[in-house]
N, C-alpha and C. Protein backbone atom coordinates (compact mmCIF):
# COMPACT_ATOMS: atom_id res chain seq x y z
N UNK A 1 172.19 31.61 230.36
CA UNK A 1 171.78 30.28 229.90
C UNK A 1 172.95 29.33 230.04
N UNK A 2 172.71 28.18 230.60
CA UNK A 2 173.82 27.25 230.85
C UNK A 2 174.30 26.61 229.58
N UNK A 3 175.57 26.15 229.59
CA UNK A 3 176.16 25.55 228.41
C UNK A 3 175.45 24.27 228.01
N UNK A 4 174.88 23.54 228.97
CA UNK A 4 174.23 22.30 228.62
C UNK A 4 172.99 22.53 227.78
N UNK A 5 172.34 23.71 227.93
CA UNK A 5 171.15 23.99 227.15
C UNK A 5 171.48 24.08 225.68
N UNK A 6 172.66 24.62 225.37
CA UNK A 6 173.07 24.77 223.99
C UNK A 6 173.18 23.42 223.30
N UNK A 7 173.44 22.36 224.07
CA UNK A 7 173.68 21.06 223.49
C UNK A 7 172.47 20.14 223.59
N UNK A 8 171.36 20.64 224.13
CA UNK A 8 170.22 19.81 224.38
C UNK A 8 168.98 20.39 223.74
N UNK A 9 168.11 19.51 223.24
CA UNK A 9 166.85 19.96 222.67
C UNK A 9 166.04 20.67 223.76
N UNK A 10 165.64 21.94 223.55
CA UNK A 10 164.93 22.67 224.61
C UNK A 10 163.60 22.03 224.97
N UNK A 11 162.99 21.28 224.04
CA UNK A 11 161.73 20.61 224.35
C UNK A 11 161.94 19.57 225.44
N UNK A 12 163.08 18.88 225.38
CA UNK A 12 163.38 17.85 226.38
C UNK A 12 163.59 18.45 227.77
N UNK A 13 164.03 19.71 227.82
CA UNK A 13 164.29 20.35 229.10
C UNK A 13 163.07 21.10 229.64
N UNK A 14 162.04 21.27 228.83
CA UNK A 14 160.90 22.08 229.23
C UNK A 14 159.92 21.28 230.08
N UNK A 15 159.47 21.89 231.17
CA UNK A 15 158.40 21.29 231.96
C UNK A 15 157.14 21.27 231.12
N UNK A 16 156.59 20.09 230.85
CA UNK A 16 155.43 19.97 229.99
C UNK A 16 155.77 19.54 228.58
N UNK A 17 157.07 19.30 228.31
CA UNK A 17 157.46 18.81 227.00
C UNK A 17 157.14 19.80 225.89
N UNK A 18 156.61 19.29 224.78
CA UNK A 18 156.32 20.15 223.63
C UNK A 18 155.30 21.23 223.98
N UNK A 19 154.26 20.85 224.70
CA UNK A 19 153.25 21.85 225.06
C UNK A 19 153.84 22.93 225.98
N UNK A 20 154.70 22.52 226.89
CA UNK A 20 155.35 23.50 227.73
C UNK A 20 156.25 24.42 226.93
N UNK A 21 156.95 23.85 225.96
CA UNK A 21 157.81 24.65 225.08
C UNK A 21 156.98 25.67 224.31
N UNK A 22 155.85 25.23 223.77
CA UNK A 22 154.99 26.13 223.00
C UNK A 22 154.39 27.21 223.89
N UNK A 23 154.06 26.83 225.13
CA UNK A 23 153.54 27.82 226.08
C UNK A 23 154.60 28.88 226.37
N UNK A 24 155.84 28.43 226.54
CA UNK A 24 156.95 29.36 226.77
C UNK A 24 157.10 30.32 225.60
N UNK A 25 157.02 29.78 224.38
CA UNK A 25 157.11 30.63 223.20
C UNK A 25 155.95 31.63 223.14
N UNK A 26 154.75 31.18 223.52
CA UNK A 26 153.58 32.06 223.50
C UNK A 26 153.75 33.22 224.48
N UNK A 27 154.30 32.92 225.67
CA UNK A 27 154.57 33.98 226.65
C UNK A 27 155.55 34.98 226.07
N UNK A 28 156.59 34.47 225.40
CA UNK A 28 157.58 35.35 224.78
C UNK A 28 156.93 36.27 223.75
N UNK A 29 156.14 35.70 222.88
CA UNK A 29 155.47 36.49 221.85
C UNK A 29 154.50 37.49 222.47
N UNK A 30 153.86 37.08 223.57
CA UNK A 30 152.92 37.97 224.24
C UNK A 30 153.57 39.22 224.81
N UNK A 31 154.88 39.16 225.08
CA UNK A 31 155.59 40.34 225.58
C UNK A 31 155.61 41.47 224.56
N UNK A 32 155.28 41.15 223.31
CA UNK A 32 155.22 42.18 222.26
C UNK A 32 154.17 43.24 222.56
N UNK A 33 153.17 42.88 223.39
CA UNK A 33 152.10 43.82 223.72
C UNK A 33 152.45 44.72 224.90
N UNK A 34 153.58 44.47 225.56
CA UNK A 34 153.92 45.27 226.74
C UNK A 34 154.09 46.76 226.43
N UNK A 35 154.74 47.15 225.32
CA UNK A 35 154.81 48.59 225.04
C UNK A 35 153.43 49.22 224.84
N UNK A 36 152.52 48.49 224.18
CA UNK A 36 151.17 49.00 223.98
C UNK A 36 150.47 49.21 225.32
N UNK A 37 150.59 48.22 226.20
CA UNK A 37 149.98 48.34 227.53
C UNK A 37 150.61 49.50 228.30
N UNK A 38 151.93 49.61 228.20
CA UNK A 38 152.65 50.67 228.91
C UNK A 38 152.19 52.05 228.46
N UNK A 39 152.13 52.28 227.16
CA UNK A 39 151.81 53.62 226.66
C UNK A 39 150.31 53.93 226.73
N UNK A 40 149.47 52.91 226.58
CA UNK A 40 148.04 53.16 226.56
C UNK A 40 147.41 53.16 227.96
N UNK A 41 147.90 52.30 228.84
CA UNK A 41 147.23 52.10 230.13
C UNK A 41 148.13 52.27 231.34
N UNK A 42 149.44 52.36 231.13
CA UNK A 42 150.37 52.38 232.24
C UNK A 42 150.16 53.53 233.21
N UNK A 43 150.02 54.73 232.70
CA UNK A 43 149.89 55.89 233.58
C UNK A 43 148.61 55.81 234.42
N UNK A 44 147.52 55.34 233.80
CA UNK A 44 146.26 55.23 234.54
C UNK A 44 146.35 54.18 235.64
N UNK A 45 146.96 53.02 235.32
CA UNK A 45 147.09 51.96 236.32
C UNK A 45 148.01 52.41 237.46
N UNK A 46 149.07 53.14 237.12
CA UNK A 46 149.96 53.65 238.16
C UNK A 46 149.22 54.63 239.06
N UNK A 47 148.41 55.49 238.47
CA UNK A 47 147.63 56.47 239.24
C UNK A 47 146.65 55.78 240.17
N UNK A 48 146.11 54.65 239.72
CA UNK A 48 145.13 53.91 240.54
C UNK A 48 145.72 53.47 241.87
N UNK A 49 147.03 53.22 241.90
CA UNK A 49 147.67 52.78 243.15
C UNK A 49 148.55 53.87 243.76
N UNK A 50 148.39 55.10 243.26
CA UNK A 50 149.07 56.24 243.85
C UNK A 50 150.55 56.33 243.55
N UNK A 51 150.96 55.78 242.39
CA UNK A 51 152.37 55.82 242.01
C UNK A 51 152.55 56.56 240.69
N UNK A 52 153.76 57.06 240.47
CA UNK A 52 154.10 57.56 239.15
C UNK A 52 154.35 56.36 238.23
N UNK A 53 154.39 56.62 236.94
CA UNK A 53 154.61 55.51 236.01
C UNK A 53 155.96 54.83 236.24
N UNK A 54 157.07 55.55 236.39
CA UNK A 54 158.34 54.87 236.69
C UNK A 54 158.29 54.07 237.99
N UNK A 55 157.63 54.61 239.02
CA UNK A 55 157.50 53.87 240.27
C UNK A 55 156.71 52.59 240.06
N UNK A 56 155.67 52.66 239.26
CA UNK A 56 154.83 51.49 238.99
C UNK A 56 155.65 50.40 238.29
N UNK A 57 156.45 50.80 237.29
CA UNK A 57 157.29 49.84 236.59
C UNK A 57 158.26 49.18 237.56
N UNK A 58 158.91 49.98 238.39
CA UNK A 58 159.85 49.43 239.36
C UNK A 58 159.16 48.49 240.33
N UNK A 59 157.95 48.85 240.77
CA UNK A 59 157.22 48.02 241.72
C UNK A 59 156.87 46.67 241.10
N UNK A 60 156.46 46.66 239.84
CA UNK A 60 156.13 45.40 239.17
C UNK A 60 157.36 44.51 239.09
N UNK A 61 158.51 45.10 238.74
CA UNK A 61 159.74 44.31 238.66
C UNK A 61 160.12 43.75 240.02
N UNK A 62 159.99 44.56 241.08
CA UNK A 62 160.31 44.07 242.42
C UNK A 62 159.37 42.94 242.85
N UNK A 63 158.10 43.05 242.49
CA UNK A 63 157.14 41.98 242.81
C UNK A 63 157.54 40.68 242.11
N UNK A 64 157.92 40.79 240.84
CA UNK A 64 158.35 39.61 240.10
C UNK A 64 159.63 39.02 240.70
N UNK A 65 160.53 39.90 241.16
CA UNK A 65 161.75 39.42 241.82
C UNK A 65 161.41 38.68 243.11
N UNK A 66 160.43 39.20 243.87
CA UNK A 66 160.04 38.54 245.10
C UNK A 66 159.47 37.16 244.81
N UNK A 67 158.62 37.07 243.80
CA UNK A 67 158.05 35.79 243.41
C UNK A 67 159.15 34.83 242.95
N UNK A 68 160.13 35.37 242.23
CA UNK A 68 161.24 34.55 241.76
C UNK A 68 162.07 34.03 242.94
N UNK A 69 162.24 34.86 243.95
CA UNK A 69 162.99 34.44 245.14
C UNK A 69 162.29 33.29 245.85
N UNK A 70 160.99 33.38 245.96
CA UNK A 70 160.22 32.30 246.60
C UNK A 70 160.33 31.02 245.78
N UNK A 71 160.22 31.16 244.47
CA UNK A 71 160.33 29.98 243.59
C UNK A 71 161.68 29.30 243.75
N UNK A 72 162.74 30.11 243.79
CA UNK A 72 164.09 29.56 243.93
C UNK A 72 164.30 28.92 245.30
N UNK A 73 163.72 29.52 246.33
CA UNK A 73 163.89 28.98 247.69
C UNK A 73 163.38 27.54 247.76
N UNK A 74 162.30 27.26 247.04
CA UNK A 74 161.72 25.93 247.08
C UNK A 74 162.12 25.06 245.88
N UNK A 75 162.98 25.60 245.01
CA UNK A 75 163.46 24.84 243.86
C UNK A 75 162.36 24.44 242.90
N UNK A 76 161.42 25.36 242.66
CA UNK A 76 160.27 25.05 241.83
C UNK A 76 160.47 25.48 240.39
N UNK A 77 159.81 24.80 239.48
CA UNK A 77 159.68 25.26 238.10
C UNK A 77 158.21 25.23 237.75
N UNK A 78 157.79 26.17 236.91
CA UNK A 78 156.40 26.21 236.48
C UNK A 78 156.32 25.72 235.04
N UNK A 79 155.11 25.51 234.58
CA UNK A 79 154.86 24.97 233.25
C UNK A 79 155.58 25.82 232.20
N UNK A 80 156.35 25.16 231.36
CA UNK A 80 157.05 25.84 230.29
C UNK A 80 158.48 26.23 230.63
N UNK A 81 158.83 26.26 231.93
CA UNK A 81 160.20 26.59 232.29
C UNK A 81 161.11 25.40 232.02
N UNK A 82 162.41 25.69 231.97
CA UNK A 82 163.40 24.63 231.77
C UNK A 82 163.79 24.05 233.11
N UNK A 83 164.19 22.80 233.11
CA UNK A 83 164.51 22.11 234.35
C UNK A 83 165.60 22.84 235.14
N UNK A 84 166.62 23.35 234.44
CA UNK A 84 167.74 23.98 235.14
C UNK A 84 167.33 25.27 235.84
N UNK A 85 166.16 25.84 235.48
CA UNK A 85 165.72 27.09 236.09
C UNK A 85 165.23 26.90 237.53
N UNK A 86 165.15 25.65 237.98
CA UNK A 86 164.81 25.40 239.38
C UNK A 86 165.88 25.93 240.31
N UNK A 87 167.10 26.12 239.81
CA UNK A 87 168.23 26.49 240.66
C UNK A 87 168.91 27.79 240.23
N UNK A 88 168.28 28.54 239.33
CA UNK A 88 168.84 29.84 238.94
C UNK A 88 167.72 30.75 238.48
N UNK A 89 168.03 32.05 238.41
CA UNK A 89 167.02 33.01 237.97
C UNK A 89 166.52 32.62 236.59
N UNK A 90 165.22 32.62 236.42
CA UNK A 90 164.62 32.14 235.18
C UNK A 90 164.72 33.17 234.06
N UNK A 91 164.44 32.70 232.86
CA UNK A 91 164.39 33.60 231.71
C UNK A 91 163.34 34.69 231.94
N UNK A 92 162.22 34.32 232.56
CA UNK A 92 161.17 35.31 232.85
C UNK A 92 161.67 36.38 233.80
N UNK A 93 162.43 35.97 234.83
CA UNK A 93 162.98 36.93 235.77
C UNK A 93 163.95 37.89 235.10
N UNK A 94 164.85 37.34 234.29
CA UNK A 94 165.80 38.20 233.58
C UNK A 94 165.08 39.09 232.57
N UNK A 95 164.06 38.55 231.90
CA UNK A 95 163.30 39.35 230.94
C UNK A 95 162.60 40.51 231.63
N UNK A 96 162.03 40.26 232.82
CA UNK A 96 161.37 41.33 233.56
C UNK A 96 162.35 42.43 233.94
N UNK A 97 163.54 42.02 234.36
CA UNK A 97 164.59 42.99 234.72
C UNK A 97 164.98 43.83 233.50
N UNK A 98 165.25 43.16 232.36
CA UNK A 98 165.67 43.88 231.16
C UNK A 98 164.60 44.80 230.63
N UNK A 99 163.37 44.30 230.55
CA UNK A 99 162.27 45.12 230.02
C UNK A 99 161.97 46.28 230.95
N UNK A 100 162.04 46.03 232.26
CA UNK A 100 161.84 47.12 233.21
C UNK A 100 162.84 48.24 233.00
N UNK A 101 164.10 47.89 232.78
CA UNK A 101 165.11 48.93 232.54
C UNK A 101 164.88 49.66 231.22
N UNK A 102 164.38 48.94 230.22
CA UNK A 102 164.06 49.62 228.96
C UNK A 102 162.99 50.68 229.19
N UNK A 103 161.92 50.33 229.91
CA UNK A 103 160.87 51.30 230.18
C UNK A 103 161.38 52.48 231.02
N UNK A 104 162.30 52.21 231.93
CA UNK A 104 162.78 53.27 232.82
C UNK A 104 163.84 54.15 232.16
N UNK A 105 164.64 53.59 231.25
CA UNK A 105 165.81 54.32 230.76
C UNK A 105 165.75 54.72 229.30
N UNK A 106 165.07 53.96 228.47
CA UNK A 106 165.04 54.31 227.04
C UNK A 106 164.33 55.66 226.89
N UNK A 107 164.90 56.55 226.07
CA UNK A 107 164.39 57.93 226.03
C UNK A 107 162.94 58.07 225.56
N UNK A 108 162.54 57.37 224.50
CA UNK A 108 161.22 57.56 223.91
C UNK A 108 160.69 56.24 223.35
N UNK A 109 159.42 56.29 222.92
CA UNK A 109 158.79 55.09 222.36
C UNK A 109 159.49 54.64 221.08
N UNK A 110 160.15 55.56 220.37
CA UNK A 110 160.86 55.19 219.15
C UNK A 110 161.96 54.15 219.41
N UNK A 111 162.43 54.08 220.64
CA UNK A 111 163.46 53.10 221.00
C UNK A 111 162.87 51.96 221.83
N UNK A 112 161.86 52.26 222.63
CA UNK A 112 161.26 51.23 223.47
C UNK A 112 160.66 50.11 222.62
N UNK A 113 159.88 50.48 221.61
CA UNK A 113 159.23 49.47 220.78
C UNK A 113 160.22 48.50 220.13
N UNK A 114 161.22 48.97 219.39
CA UNK A 114 162.11 47.99 218.73
C UNK A 114 162.96 47.19 219.71
N UNK A 115 163.35 47.79 220.85
CA UNK A 115 164.15 47.05 221.82
C UNK A 115 163.36 45.86 222.37
N UNK A 116 162.10 46.10 222.73
CA UNK A 116 161.30 45.02 223.31
C UNK A 116 160.89 44.01 222.24
N UNK A 117 160.54 44.47 221.05
CA UNK A 117 160.18 43.54 219.98
C UNK A 117 161.36 42.68 219.55
N UNK A 118 162.56 43.24 219.64
CA UNK A 118 163.75 42.44 219.29
C UNK A 118 163.90 41.26 220.24
N UNK A 119 163.49 41.45 221.50
CA UNK A 119 163.52 40.34 222.46
C UNK A 119 162.33 39.41 222.26
N UNK A 120 161.13 39.97 222.23
CA UNK A 120 159.92 39.15 222.23
C UNK A 120 159.76 38.34 220.95
N UNK A 121 160.23 38.89 219.83
CA UNK A 121 160.13 38.19 218.55
C UNK A 121 161.46 37.56 218.14
N UNK A 122 162.54 38.27 218.39
CA UNK A 122 163.85 37.80 217.92
C UNK A 122 164.36 36.59 218.66
N UNK A 123 164.19 36.55 219.99
CA UNK A 123 164.70 35.41 220.75
C UNK A 123 164.00 34.10 220.35
N UNK A 124 162.66 34.06 220.25
CA UNK A 124 162.04 32.81 219.78
C UNK A 124 162.45 32.43 218.36
N UNK A 125 162.62 33.44 217.50
CA UNK A 125 163.04 33.15 216.12
C UNK A 125 164.41 32.49 216.11
N UNK A 126 165.35 33.06 216.87
CA UNK A 126 166.69 32.48 216.95
C UNK A 126 166.63 31.05 217.50
N UNK A 127 165.85 30.87 218.55
CA UNK A 127 165.76 29.55 219.16
C UNK A 127 165.19 28.50 218.21
N UNK A 128 164.17 28.87 217.46
CA UNK A 128 163.57 27.90 216.55
C UNK A 128 164.48 27.62 215.35
N UNK A 129 165.22 28.61 214.91
CA UNK A 129 166.17 28.37 213.82
C UNK A 129 167.23 27.37 214.26
N UNK A 130 167.69 27.50 215.51
CA UNK A 130 168.66 26.54 216.04
C UNK A 130 168.03 25.15 216.17
N UNK A 131 166.80 25.12 216.65
CA UNK A 131 166.14 23.83 216.88
C UNK A 131 165.91 23.09 215.56
N UNK A 132 165.79 23.84 214.46
CA UNK A 132 165.63 23.21 213.15
C UNK A 132 166.94 22.62 212.63
N UNK A 133 168.03 22.91 213.33
CA UNK A 133 169.32 22.34 212.96
C UNK A 133 170.08 23.13 211.91
N UNK A 134 169.73 24.41 211.72
CA UNK A 134 170.46 25.22 210.75
C UNK A 134 171.90 25.44 211.21
N UNK A 135 172.78 25.58 210.24
CA UNK A 135 174.16 25.92 210.56
C UNK A 135 174.21 27.30 211.21
N UNK A 136 175.22 27.49 212.05
CA UNK A 136 175.35 28.76 212.77
C UNK A 136 175.31 29.96 211.84
N UNK A 137 176.02 29.87 210.72
CA UNK A 137 176.06 30.99 209.76
C UNK A 137 174.66 31.33 209.27
N UNK A 138 173.86 30.31 208.97
CA UNK A 138 172.51 30.55 208.46
C UNK A 138 171.58 31.08 209.55
N UNK A 139 171.80 30.63 210.79
CA UNK A 139 171.02 31.17 211.90
C UNK A 139 171.29 32.66 212.05
N UNK A 140 172.56 33.05 211.98
CA UNK A 140 172.93 34.47 212.13
C UNK A 140 172.34 35.29 211.00
N UNK A 141 172.47 34.82 209.77
CA UNK A 141 171.98 35.58 208.61
C UNK A 141 170.46 35.73 208.66
N UNK A 142 169.75 34.61 208.89
CA UNK A 142 168.29 34.67 208.89
C UNK A 142 167.76 35.51 210.05
N UNK A 143 168.39 35.40 211.21
CA UNK A 143 167.93 36.16 212.38
C UNK A 143 168.23 37.65 212.22
N UNK A 144 169.37 37.98 211.64
CA UNK A 144 169.69 39.39 211.40
C UNK A 144 168.71 39.99 210.41
N UNK A 145 168.38 39.25 209.36
CA UNK A 145 167.39 39.73 208.38
C UNK A 145 166.03 39.92 209.03
N UNK A 146 165.64 38.98 209.89
CA UNK A 146 164.34 39.08 210.57
C UNK A 146 164.29 40.31 211.47
N UNK A 147 165.34 40.52 212.26
CA UNK A 147 165.34 41.67 213.15
C UNK A 147 165.51 42.98 212.41
N UNK A 148 166.15 42.95 211.26
CA UNK A 148 166.20 44.15 210.41
C UNK A 148 164.78 44.56 210.03
N UNK A 149 163.95 43.58 209.67
CA UNK A 149 162.56 43.87 209.32
C UNK A 149 161.78 44.40 210.52
N UNK A 150 162.09 43.90 211.71
CA UNK A 150 161.44 44.39 212.92
C UNK A 150 161.75 45.87 213.13
N UNK A 151 163.02 46.25 212.99
CA UNK A 151 163.40 47.65 213.18
C UNK A 151 162.86 48.53 212.07
N UNK A 152 162.80 48.02 210.85
CA UNK A 152 162.21 48.79 209.75
C UNK A 152 160.72 49.00 210.00
N UNK A 153 160.04 47.97 210.51
CA UNK A 153 158.63 48.11 210.85
C UNK A 153 158.43 49.20 211.91
N UNK A 154 159.34 49.26 212.88
CA UNK A 154 159.25 50.31 213.89
C UNK A 154 159.52 51.68 213.29
N UNK A 155 160.40 51.75 212.32
CA UNK A 155 160.60 53.02 211.59
C UNK A 155 159.29 53.45 210.93
N UNK A 156 158.58 52.51 210.36
CA UNK A 156 157.34 52.82 209.65
C UNK A 156 156.23 53.23 210.61
N UNK A 157 156.10 52.50 211.73
CA UNK A 157 154.95 52.70 212.60
C UNK A 157 155.18 53.67 213.75
N UNK A 158 156.41 53.74 214.28
CA UNK A 158 156.66 54.62 215.43
C UNK A 158 157.83 55.57 215.20
N UNK A 159 158.28 55.71 213.95
CA UNK A 159 159.31 56.68 213.57
C UNK A 159 160.68 56.44 214.21
N UNK A 160 161.00 55.18 214.47
CA UNK A 160 162.37 54.86 214.87
C UNK A 160 163.31 55.25 213.72
N UNK A 161 164.44 55.91 214.00
CA UNK A 161 165.36 56.27 212.91
C UNK A 161 165.71 55.05 212.05
N UNK A 162 165.55 55.19 210.74
CA UNK A 162 165.70 54.06 209.82
C UNK A 162 167.09 53.45 209.89
N UNK A 163 168.11 54.29 209.98
CA UNK A 163 169.47 53.78 209.91
C UNK A 163 169.84 52.88 211.09
N UNK A 164 169.08 52.99 212.19
CA UNK A 164 169.36 52.15 213.35
C UNK A 164 169.16 50.66 213.04
N UNK A 165 168.31 50.36 212.06
CA UNK A 165 168.08 48.96 211.69
C UNK A 165 169.38 48.29 211.25
N UNK A 166 170.23 49.02 210.56
CA UNK A 166 171.49 48.44 210.07
C UNK A 166 172.46 48.13 211.21
N UNK A 167 172.38 48.90 212.28
CA UNK A 167 173.27 48.68 213.43
C UNK A 167 172.68 47.69 214.42
N UNK A 168 171.38 47.84 214.72
CA UNK A 168 170.81 47.10 215.84
C UNK A 168 170.33 45.71 215.48
N UNK A 169 170.04 45.44 214.22
CA UNK A 169 169.69 44.06 213.86
C UNK A 169 170.85 43.10 214.16
N UNK A 170 172.05 43.37 213.65
CA UNK A 170 173.16 42.47 214.01
C UNK A 170 173.56 42.56 215.48
N UNK A 171 173.42 43.74 216.09
CA UNK A 171 173.79 43.87 217.51
C UNK A 171 172.88 43.02 218.39
N UNK A 172 171.58 43.02 218.09
CA UNK A 172 170.65 42.23 218.89
C UNK A 172 170.93 40.73 218.74
N UNK A 173 171.28 40.31 217.53
CA UNK A 173 171.63 38.90 217.33
C UNK A 173 172.89 38.57 218.11
N UNK A 174 173.90 39.44 218.03
CA UNK A 174 175.15 39.21 218.76
C UNK A 174 174.91 39.20 220.27
N UNK A 175 173.95 40.02 220.73
CA UNK A 175 173.67 40.10 222.17
C UNK A 175 173.02 38.84 222.70
N UNK A 176 172.38 38.07 221.82
CA UNK A 176 171.77 36.81 222.24
C UNK A 176 172.77 35.68 222.32
N UNK A 177 173.91 35.85 221.65
CA UNK A 177 174.82 34.73 221.44
C UNK A 177 175.63 34.31 222.65
N UNK A 178 176.06 35.22 223.55
CA UNK A 178 176.90 34.78 224.68
C UNK A 178 176.19 33.71 225.49
N UNK A 179 176.89 32.64 225.81
CA UNK A 179 176.32 31.57 226.61
C UNK A 179 176.83 31.70 228.05
N UNK A 180 176.14 32.54 228.82
CA UNK A 180 176.53 32.79 230.20
C UNK A 180 175.75 31.85 231.11
N UNK A 181 176.41 31.36 232.12
CA UNK A 181 175.81 30.31 232.94
C UNK A 181 174.59 30.79 233.70
N UNK A 182 174.63 31.98 234.27
CA UNK A 182 173.54 32.42 235.13
C UNK A 182 172.78 33.63 234.60
N UNK A 183 173.27 34.27 233.57
CA UNK A 183 172.55 35.43 233.00
C UNK A 183 171.91 34.99 231.69
N UNK A 184 170.59 35.01 231.65
CA UNK A 184 169.87 34.53 230.48
C UNK A 184 169.94 35.55 229.34
N UNK A 185 169.80 35.04 228.11
CA UNK A 185 169.83 35.95 226.97
C UNK A 185 168.63 36.88 226.92
N UNK A 186 167.59 36.61 227.71
CA UNK A 186 166.49 37.57 227.82
C UNK A 186 166.96 38.89 228.41
N UNK A 187 168.04 38.86 229.18
CA UNK A 187 168.63 40.08 229.71
C UNK A 187 169.58 40.71 228.70
N UNK A 188 170.51 39.91 228.18
CA UNK A 188 171.53 40.48 227.29
C UNK A 188 170.92 41.04 226.00
N UNK A 189 169.82 40.43 225.53
CA UNK A 189 169.23 40.89 224.26
C UNK A 189 168.61 42.27 224.35
N UNK A 190 168.29 42.72 225.56
CA UNK A 190 167.78 44.09 225.69
C UNK A 190 168.79 45.02 226.34
N UNK A 191 169.58 44.51 227.28
CA UNK A 191 170.47 45.41 228.02
C UNK A 191 171.64 45.91 227.17
N UNK A 192 172.20 45.03 226.34
CA UNK A 192 173.31 45.48 225.48
C UNK A 192 172.82 46.50 224.44
N UNK A 193 171.74 46.23 223.69
CA UNK A 193 171.23 47.26 222.77
C UNK A 193 170.77 48.53 223.50
N UNK A 194 170.17 48.38 224.69
CA UNK A 194 169.76 49.56 225.45
C UNK A 194 170.98 50.41 225.79
N UNK A 195 172.06 49.78 226.21
CA UNK A 195 173.28 50.53 226.50
C UNK A 195 173.78 51.29 225.28
N UNK A 196 173.70 50.67 224.10
CA UNK A 196 174.13 51.35 222.88
C UNK A 196 173.21 52.53 222.56
N UNK A 197 171.90 52.34 222.76
CA UNK A 197 170.96 53.44 222.54
C UNK A 197 171.29 54.62 223.43
N UNK A 198 171.58 54.35 224.70
CA UNK A 198 171.88 55.44 225.64
C UNK A 198 173.18 56.15 225.26
N UNK A 199 174.15 55.41 224.72
CA UNK A 199 175.39 56.04 224.29
C UNK A 199 175.19 56.87 223.02
N UNK A 200 174.31 56.40 222.15
CA UNK A 200 174.08 57.10 220.88
C UNK A 200 173.10 58.25 221.01
N UNK A 201 172.21 58.19 221.99
CA UNK A 201 171.11 59.13 222.07
C UNK A 201 171.51 60.60 222.03
N UNK A 202 172.63 60.99 222.67
CA UNK A 202 173.02 62.40 222.57
C UNK A 202 173.30 62.87 221.15
N UNK A 203 173.61 61.92 220.25
CA UNK A 203 173.95 62.27 218.87
C UNK A 203 172.80 62.02 217.90
N UNK A 204 171.74 61.31 218.35
CA UNK A 204 170.72 60.90 217.40
C UNK A 204 169.98 62.08 216.79
N UNK A 205 169.85 63.15 217.53
CA UNK A 205 169.17 64.32 216.98
C UNK A 205 169.95 65.01 215.89
N UNK A 206 171.24 64.67 215.77
CA UNK A 206 172.08 65.29 214.76
C UNK A 206 172.14 64.47 213.47
N UNK A 207 171.57 63.23 213.48
CA UNK A 207 171.73 62.31 212.36
C UNK A 207 170.44 62.13 211.60
């Protein structure tokens, strides 16, 4: 995400203004259903086209990358995107890359669900807290508390280890914070926690 975005109202930068901004948020929230689609229908859809489930995930990401390349070649933005995304990989492109790697690399659903929900729910929450003009300290505290509840909910519904909520709620918030010019926080919010999961996974069975 570029530094200018941090200093500008995201509604002003969104194609479609307020409605475009709300559409972007709706797409983000809709990503919460991706694990359900993956676990309930993914294997069948992959079989329909003669692929394994990992191959199907990779193929979808490559298709999205191809579409993103065409969009960038012509300098296009679609409804809800930010103006600066006409000249760099979009949040959607980075999100597809990050989520694809979660599906391919995260060991089990106990980790896939909270990693993706931390992005699909946590990123809009952080963005709206900033847009309301909260002080940085309050944004961090409120967002960490929100993501703690997300991880606890995953403990309740999909048996994610409870203690991970204490580590990954602040880690996910911290992963959103870097303001990198060309790498969107849709990537960092899943890739950094995913990396930590992969490092911890050999020990998780002992804890």
